[in-house]
Protein backbone atom coordinates (compact mmCIF):
# COMPACT_ATOMS: atom_id res chain seq x y z
CA UNK A 1 74.14 116.70 142.57
CA UNK A 2 77.72 116.36 143.73
CA UNK A 3 78.86 115.20 140.26
CA UNK A 4 77.36 118.28 138.64
CA UNK A 5 78.88 120.49 141.31
CA UNK A 6 82.34 118.92 140.94
CA UNK A 7 82.14 119.23 137.14
CA UNK A 8 81.16 122.89 137.50
CA UNK A 9 84.07 123.52 139.86
CA UNK A 10 86.45 121.78 137.41
CA UNK A 11 85.18 123.93 134.54
CA UNK A 12 85.48 127.10 136.60
CA UNK A 13 88.98 126.19 137.70
CA UNK A 14 90.20 125.39 134.16
CA UNK A 15 88.06 127.80 132.15
CA UNK A 16 90.94 129.24 130.11
CA UNK A 17 92.24 125.84 129.09
CA UNK A 18 88.74 124.68 128.13
CA UNK A 19 88.19 127.89 126.15
CA UNK A 20 91.43 127.37 124.21
CA UNK A 21 90.53 123.73 123.50
CA UNK A 22 87.05 124.67 122.24
CA UNK A 23 88.43 127.45 120.02
CA UNK A 24 91.10 125.10 118.66
CA UNK A 25 88.42 122.53 117.78
CA UNK A 26 86.28 125.12 116.07
CA UNK A 27 89.17 126.55 114.05
CA UNK A 28 90.78 123.19 113.34
CA UNK A 29 87.80 121.04 112.46
CA UNK A 30 84.40 122.73 112.34
CA UNK A 31 85.05 126.09 110.66
CA UNK A 32 84.67 126.53 106.89
CA UNK A 33 88.31 127.66 106.66
CA UNK A 34 89.57 124.89 108.93
CA UNK A 35 92.88 123.12 108.68
CA UNK A 36 91.09 120.10 107.23
CA UNK A 37 89.72 122.20 104.37
CA UNK A 38 92.97 124.05 103.73
CA UNK A 39 94.96 121.03 102.55
CA UNK A 40 92.82 120.21 99.46
CA UNK A 41 92.74 123.89 98.60
CA UNK A 42 96.53 124.14 98.88
CA UNK A 43 96.93 121.10 96.62
CA UNK A 44 94.58 122.68 94.06
CA UNK A 45 96.46 126.00 94.22
CA UNK A 46 99.78 124.22 93.63
CA UNK A 47 98.32 122.34 90.68
CA UNK A 48 96.94 125.57 89.17
CA UNK A 49 100.29 127.35 89.65
CA UNK A 50 102.02 124.53 87.77
CA UNK A 51 99.44 124.87 85.02
CA UNK A 52 100.03 128.64 84.87
CA UNK A 53 103.79 128.06 84.59
CA UNK A 54 103.17 125.56 81.78
CA UNK A 55 100.98 128.04 79.89
CA UNK A 56 103.58 130.80 80.35
CA UNK A 57 106.26 128.49 78.94
CA UNK A 58 104.04 127.63 75.95
CA UNK A 59 103.30 131.33 75.40
CA UNK A 60 107.00 132.18 75.45
CA UNK A 61 107.80 129.42 72.96
CA UNK A 62 104.99 130.54 70.63
CA UNK A 63 106.05 134.18 70.94
CA UNK A 64 109.64 133.27 70.06
CA UNK A 65 108.45 131.25 67.08
CA UNK A 66 106.29 134.15 65.85
CA UNK A 67 109.23 136.52 66.20
CA UNK A 68 111.43 134.11 64.25
CA UNK A 69 108.81 133.78 61.50
CA UNK A 70 108.45 137.53 61.21
CA UNK A 71 112.19 138.10 60.94
CA UNK A 72 113.41 135.05 58.99
CA UNK A 73 111.97 134.08 55.61
CA UNK A 74 113.83 130.74 55.61
CA UNK A 75 111.95 129.74 58.77
CA UNK A 76 108.65 130.38 56.95
CA UNK A 77 109.81 128.22 54.06
CA UNK A 78 110.91 125.45 56.43
CA UNK A 79 107.53 125.35 58.19
CA UNK A 80 105.65 125.47 54.88
CA UNK A 81 107.65 122.51 53.59
CA UNK A 82 107.49 120.42 56.79
CA UNK A 83 103.91 120.99 57.90
CA UNK A 84 102.00 121.74 54.73
CA UNK A 85 104.10 119.71 52.26
CA UNK A 86 104.55 122.67 49.93
CA UNK A 87 107.16 122.47 47.20
CA UNK A 88 108.84 124.49 44.55
CA UNK A 89 107.62 124.02 40.99
CA UNK A 90 110.51 121.78 39.93
CA UNK A 91 110.57 119.51 43.01
CA UNK A 92 108.94 116.25 44.01
CA UNK A 93 107.78 115.68 47.58
CA UNK A 94 107.78 112.30 49.29
CA UNK A 95 105.87 111.99 52.56
CA UNK A 96 106.57 109.08 54.92
CA UNK A 97 104.09 108.24 57.67
CA UNK A 98 105.67 107.01 60.88
CA UNK A 99 103.43 104.40 62.45
């Protein structure tokens, strides 16, 4: 009985410290939004932000290319010749595969 009584007196004497420790354990480990769960989420958010930046860069490049194609007829001809191997009626086209 004396062990239970001494433990009760210890808990009553240090109730604020014990309360803070219990709350810290709940918030830090047990809770759904705990510090242990935040790290993988933060890593995922960083990865998704990098992906968003990559897509924005690709969008800007494509938008600039579209603007160039709309304003410059020589750019259209260049793409038609390089990608689709188109030619003028009096020309011969030689295609080399790089392997």
